[in-house]
Amino acid sequence: MYSRRQKRFTLMPAIALAALGALVAVPALSSSRLYAAGPEHFATVTVHQGDTLWTLAERRTPSGANVQDTVDSILAVNHLESAAVVPGQHLKIPR
């Protein structure tokens, strides 16, 4: 009358356990290292009458380097939305 149902063995628990083990073991066994970026050095410059962001960047850009990269760095470091500067403004310029 009552038939005994046999339980079926599934692989899902074994697969889940193997995946969890891999998530823990792979980073621990990895030989790669992550290092934080080195400290950045800045010069603080006060903007004078007639200064533009481009002229400030030109004065601080090493010869052979791209002035536009320096302008982009100044914009990013100082959280500026435009290249407009005003006399008396203090800007950090990457060295």
N, C-alpha and C. Protein backbone atom coordinates (compact mmCIF):
# COMPACT_ATOMS: atom_id res chain seq x y z
N MET A 1 0.80 -1.17 0.00
CA MET A 1 0.00 0.00 0.00
C MET A 1 0.85 1.26 0.00
N TYR A 2 1.62 1.33 1.02
CA TYR A 2 2.56 2.44 1.00
C TYR A 2 3.85 1.98 0.37
N SER A 3 4.27 2.71 -0.58
CA SER A 3 5.56 2.35 -1.17
C SER A 3 6.62 3.32 -0.63
N ARG A 4 7.71 2.74 -0.32
CA ARG A 4 8.79 3.58 0.19
C ARG A 4 9.47 4.27 -0.97
N ARG A 5 9.53 5.55 -0.86
CA ARG A 5 10.21 6.32 -1.88
C ARG A 5 11.67 6.46 -1.52
N GLN A 6 12.50 6.16 -2.44
CA GLN A 6 13.92 6.24 -2.18
C GLN A 6 14.40 7.67 -2.46
N LYS A 7 15.19 8.23 -1.54
CA LYS A 7 15.72 9.58 -1.75
C LYS A 7 16.78 9.55 -2.83
N ARG A 8 16.69 10.59 -3.65
CA ARG A 8 17.69 10.70 -4.70
C ARG A 8 18.85 11.55 -4.22
N PHE A 9 20.02 11.14 -4.57
CA PHE A 9 21.22 11.88 -4.21
C PHE A 9 21.42 12.98 -5.26
N THR A 10 21.57 14.22 -4.80
CA THR A 10 21.83 15.33 -5.73
C THR A 10 23.23 15.87 -5.49
N LEU A 11 23.76 16.47 -6.49
CA LEU A 11 25.12 17.01 -6.42
C LEU A 11 25.14 18.48 -5.98
N MET A 12 24.01 19.13 -5.84
CA MET A 12 23.99 20.55 -5.51
C MET A 12 24.73 20.88 -4.22
N PRO A 13 24.53 20.18 -3.14
CA PRO A 13 25.30 20.52 -1.92
C PRO A 13 26.81 20.37 -2.12
N ALA A 14 27.22 19.36 -2.84
CA ALA A 14 28.64 19.15 -3.08
C ALA A 14 29.20 20.26 -3.97
N ILE A 15 28.47 20.68 -4.97
CA ILE A 15 28.92 21.75 -5.86
C ILE A 15 29.00 23.07 -5.09
N ALA A 16 28.02 23.34 -4.26
CA ALA A 16 28.03 24.57 -3.46
C ALA A 16 29.20 24.60 -2.50
N LEU A 17 29.48 23.48 -1.87
CA LEU A 17 30.60 23.40 -0.94
C LEU A 17 31.94 23.57 -1.68
N ALA A 18 32.07 23.00 -2.84
CA ALA A 18 33.30 23.15 -3.63
C ALA A 18 33.49 24.61 -4.06
N ALA A 19 32.41 25.26 -4.47
CA ALA A 19 32.50 26.66 -4.90
C ALA A 19 32.89 27.55 -3.72
N LEU A 20 32.33 27.30 -2.56
CA LEU A 20 32.68 28.08 -1.37
C LEU A 20 34.14 27.87 -0.99
N GLY A 21 34.59 26.64 -1.08
CA GLY A 21 35.99 26.36 -0.80
C GLY A 21 36.93 27.05 -1.77
N ALA A 22 36.54 27.11 -3.05
CA ALA A 22 37.36 27.80 -4.04
C ALA A 22 37.40 29.30 -3.78
N LEU A 23 36.27 29.87 -3.36
CA LEU A 23 36.24 31.30 -3.06
C LEU A 23 37.17 31.67 -1.93
N VAL A 24 37.35 30.76 -0.99
CA VAL A 24 38.23 31.03 0.14
C VAL A 24 39.68 30.71 -0.20
N ALA A 25 39.92 29.62 -0.92
CA ALA A 25 41.28 29.15 -1.17
C ALA A 25 42.02 29.94 -2.24
N VAL A 26 41.34 30.33 -3.29
CA VAL A 26 42.04 30.99 -4.41
C VAL A 26 42.71 32.29 -3.99
N PRO A 27 42.02 33.21 -3.31
CA PRO A 27 42.73 34.43 -2.90
C PRO A 27 43.86 34.16 -1.90
N ALA A 28 43.67 33.18 -1.03
CA ALA A 28 44.70 32.87 -0.04
C ALA A 28 45.95 32.29 -0.70
N LEU A 29 45.78 31.56 -1.77
CA LEU A 29 46.91 30.93 -2.45
C LEU A 29 47.52 31.80 -3.54
N SER A 30 46.89 32.90 -3.84
CA SER A 30 47.36 33.77 -4.91
C SER A 30 48.68 34.42 -4.50
N SER A 31 49.60 34.50 -5.44
CA SER A 31 50.90 35.09 -5.13
C SER A 31 50.94 36.57 -5.46
N SER A 32 49.88 37.11 -6.06
CA SER A 32 49.90 38.53 -6.40
C SER A 32 49.64 39.37 -5.16
N ARG A 33 50.25 40.51 -5.13
CA ARG A 33 50.10 41.43 -4.01
C ARG A 33 49.52 42.74 -4.52
N LEU A 34 48.72 43.37 -3.71
CA LEU A 34 48.18 44.68 -4.03
C LEU A 34 48.87 45.72 -3.15
N TYR A 35 49.31 46.77 -3.78
CA TYR A 35 49.98 47.83 -3.04
C TYR A 35 49.22 49.13 -3.25
N ALA A 36 49.20 49.94 -2.24
CA ALA A 36 48.56 51.25 -2.34
C ALA A 36 49.47 52.18 -3.14
N ALA A 37 48.87 53.14 -3.78
CA ALA A 37 49.65 54.12 -4.53
C ALA A 37 50.49 54.95 -3.57
N GLY A 38 51.61 55.39 -4.04
CA GLY A 38 52.48 56.22 -3.22
C GLY A 38 51.86 57.58 -2.98
N PRO A 39 52.38 58.28 -2.00
CA PRO A 39 51.82 59.60 -1.71
C PRO A 39 52.11 60.58 -2.84
N GLU A 40 51.15 61.42 -3.12
CA GLU A 40 51.35 62.43 -4.16
C GLU A 40 51.84 63.71 -3.50
N HIS A 41 52.67 64.44 -4.22
CA HIS A 41 53.21 65.70 -3.72
C HIS A 41 52.62 66.83 -4.54
N PHE A 42 52.24 67.90 -3.85
CA PHE A 42 51.61 69.04 -4.51
C PHE A 42 52.32 70.32 -4.12
N ALA A 43 52.28 71.26 -5.05
CA ALA A 43 52.68 72.63 -4.76
C ALA A 43 51.40 73.44 -4.69
N THR A 44 51.33 74.36 -3.75
CA THR A 44 50.16 75.22 -3.65
C THR A 44 50.50 76.55 -4.31
N VAL A 45 49.66 76.97 -5.24
CA VAL A 45 49.89 78.18 -6.02
C VAL A 45 48.71 79.12 -5.82
N THR A 46 49.01 80.40 -5.69
CA THR A 46 47.96 81.41 -5.65
C THR A 46 47.82 82.01 -7.04
N VAL A 47 46.61 82.06 -7.54
CA VAL A 47 46.34 82.59 -8.87
C VAL A 47 46.47 84.11 -8.83
N HIS A 48 47.21 84.67 -9.80
CA HIS A 48 47.39 86.12 -9.93
C HIS A 48 46.60 86.63 -11.11
N GLN A 49 46.46 87.95 -11.19
CA GLN A 49 45.76 88.59 -12.30
C GLN A 49 46.42 88.17 -13.62
N GLY A 50 45.62 87.72 -14.57
CA GLY A 50 46.12 87.32 -15.89
C GLY A 50 46.50 85.85 -16.00
N ASP A 51 46.54 85.13 -14.88
CA ASP A 51 46.85 83.69 -14.92
C ASP A 51 45.67 82.91 -15.47
N THR A 52 45.98 81.88 -16.22
CA THR A 52 44.97 80.92 -16.66
C THR A 52 45.42 79.55 -16.20
N LEU A 53 44.54 78.61 -16.24
CA LEU A 53 44.90 77.26 -15.85
C LEU A 53 45.99 76.71 -16.77
N TRP A 54 45.92 77.07 -18.04
CA TRP A 54 46.91 76.60 -19.01
C TRP A 54 48.29 77.16 -18.70
N THR A 55 48.39 78.47 -18.39
CA THR A 55 49.70 79.06 -18.10
C THR A 55 50.28 78.50 -16.80
N LEU A 56 49.43 78.27 -15.81
CA LEU A 56 49.91 77.65 -14.57
C LEU A 56 50.44 76.24 -14.85
N ALA A 57 49.74 75.50 -15.68
CA ALA A 57 50.17 74.14 -16.02
C ALA A 57 51.45 74.15 -16.83
N GLU A 58 51.58 75.12 -17.74
CA GLU A 58 52.81 75.21 -18.56
C GLU A 58 54.03 75.43 -17.69
N ARG A 59 53.89 76.27 -16.67
CA ARG A 59 55.03 76.57 -15.78
C ARG A 59 55.46 75.34 -14.98
N ARG A 60 54.53 74.45 -14.69
CA ARG A 60 54.82 73.30 -13.82
C ARG A 60 55.04 72.00 -14.58
N THR A 61 54.80 71.99 -15.89
CA THR A 61 54.95 70.76 -16.67
C THR A 61 56.41 70.57 -17.05
N PRO A 62 56.98 69.39 -16.78
CA PRO A 62 58.37 69.13 -17.19
C PRO A 62 58.50 69.18 -18.71
N SER A 63 59.68 69.54 -19.19
CA SER A 63 59.88 69.63 -20.64
C SER A 63 59.67 68.26 -21.27
N GLY A 64 58.98 68.25 -22.38
CA GLY A 64 58.69 67.01 -23.08
C GLY A 64 57.40 66.35 -22.62
N ALA A 65 56.83 66.82 -21.54
CA ALA A 65 55.57 66.24 -21.04
C ALA A 65 54.39 67.00 -21.65
N ASN A 66 53.23 66.42 -21.53
CA ASN A 66 52.02 66.99 -22.12
C ASN A 66 51.36 67.95 -21.14
N VAL A 67 51.20 69.22 -21.57
CA VAL A 67 50.60 70.24 -20.72
C VAL A 67 49.13 69.90 -20.43
N GLN A 68 48.44 69.31 -21.40
CA GLN A 68 47.03 68.97 -21.21
C GLN A 68 46.86 67.96 -20.07
N ASP A 69 47.81 67.04 -19.91
CA ASP A 69 47.75 66.08 -18.80
C ASP A 69 47.87 66.81 -17.45
N THR A 70 48.73 67.84 -17.40
CA THR A 70 48.86 68.63 -16.18
C THR A 70 47.58 69.40 -15.88
N VAL A 71 46.97 69.98 -16.92
CA VAL A 71 45.70 70.70 -16.75
C VAL A 71 44.64 69.74 -16.21
N ASP A 72 44.55 68.55 -16.79
CA ASP A 72 43.58 67.56 -16.33
C ASP A 72 43.82 67.17 -14.87
N SER A 73 45.09 67.04 -14.49
CA SER A 73 45.42 66.70 -13.10
C SER A 73 45.01 67.81 -12.14
N ILE A 74 45.26 69.06 -12.54
CA ILE A 74 44.89 70.20 -11.69
C ILE A 74 43.38 70.24 -11.52
N LEU A 75 42.65 70.03 -12.61
CA LEU A 75 41.19 70.02 -12.53
C LEU A 75 40.70 68.94 -11.58
N ALA A 76 41.28 67.74 -11.67
CA ALA A 76 40.85 66.62 -10.84
C ALA A 76 41.20 66.82 -9.37
N VAL A 77 42.43 67.24 -9.10
CA VAL A 77 42.89 67.38 -7.72
C VAL A 77 42.11 68.46 -6.98
N ASN A 78 41.78 69.54 -7.68
CA ASN A 78 41.10 70.67 -7.05
C ASN A 78 39.58 70.59 -7.19
N HIS A 79 39.08 69.51 -7.78
CA HIS A 79 37.64 69.30 -7.97
C HIS A 79 37.00 70.48 -8.69
N LEU A 80 37.66 70.93 -9.76
CA LEU A 80 37.14 72.05 -10.55
C LEU A 80 36.24 71.52 -11.65
N GLU A 81 35.16 72.22 -11.90
CA GLU A 81 34.24 71.83 -12.97
C GLU A 81 34.58 72.50 -14.29
N SER A 82 35.33 73.61 -14.23
CA SER A 82 35.73 74.30 -15.45
C SER A 82 37.16 74.80 -15.26
N ALA A 83 37.72 75.32 -16.34
CA ALA A 83 39.10 75.80 -16.31
C ALA A 83 39.18 77.25 -15.86
N ALA A 84 38.07 77.85 -15.48
CA ALA A 84 38.06 79.24 -15.05
C ALA A 84 38.68 79.36 -13.65
N VAL A 85 39.64 80.29 -13.52
CA VAL A 85 40.27 80.56 -12.23
C VAL A 85 40.14 82.05 -11.95
N VAL A 86 40.18 82.40 -10.67
CA VAL A 86 40.06 83.82 -10.28
C VAL A 86 41.27 84.21 -9.44
N PRO A 87 41.71 85.46 -9.56
CA PRO A 87 42.84 85.92 -8.75
C PRO A 87 42.57 85.71 -7.26
N GLY A 88 43.59 85.25 -6.55
CA GLY A 88 43.48 84.97 -5.12
C GLY A 88 43.11 83.52 -4.82
N GLN A 89 42.70 82.79 -5.82
CA GLN A 89 42.34 81.39 -5.64
C GLN A 89 43.60 80.56 -5.40
N HIS A 90 43.52 79.61 -4.47
CA HIS A 90 44.65 78.72 -4.17
C HIS A 90 44.39 77.39 -4.84
N LEU A 91 45.39 76.92 -5.59
CA LEU A 91 45.27 75.65 -6.31
C LEU A 91 46.41 74.71 -5.93
N LYS A 92 46.08 73.44 -5.81
CA LYS A 92 47.11 72.41 -5.64
C LYS A 92 47.52 71.96 -7.04
N ILE A 93 48.85 71.94 -7.25
CA ILE A 93 49.37 71.52 -8.55
C ILE A 93 50.31 70.35 -8.32
N PRO A 94 50.05 69.21 -8.98
CA PRO A 94 50.92 68.04 -8.81
C PRO A 94 52.35 68.34 -9.26
N ARG A 95 53.30 67.83 -8.50
CA ARG A 95 54.72 68.05 -8.87
C ARG A 95 55.19 66.95 -9.77
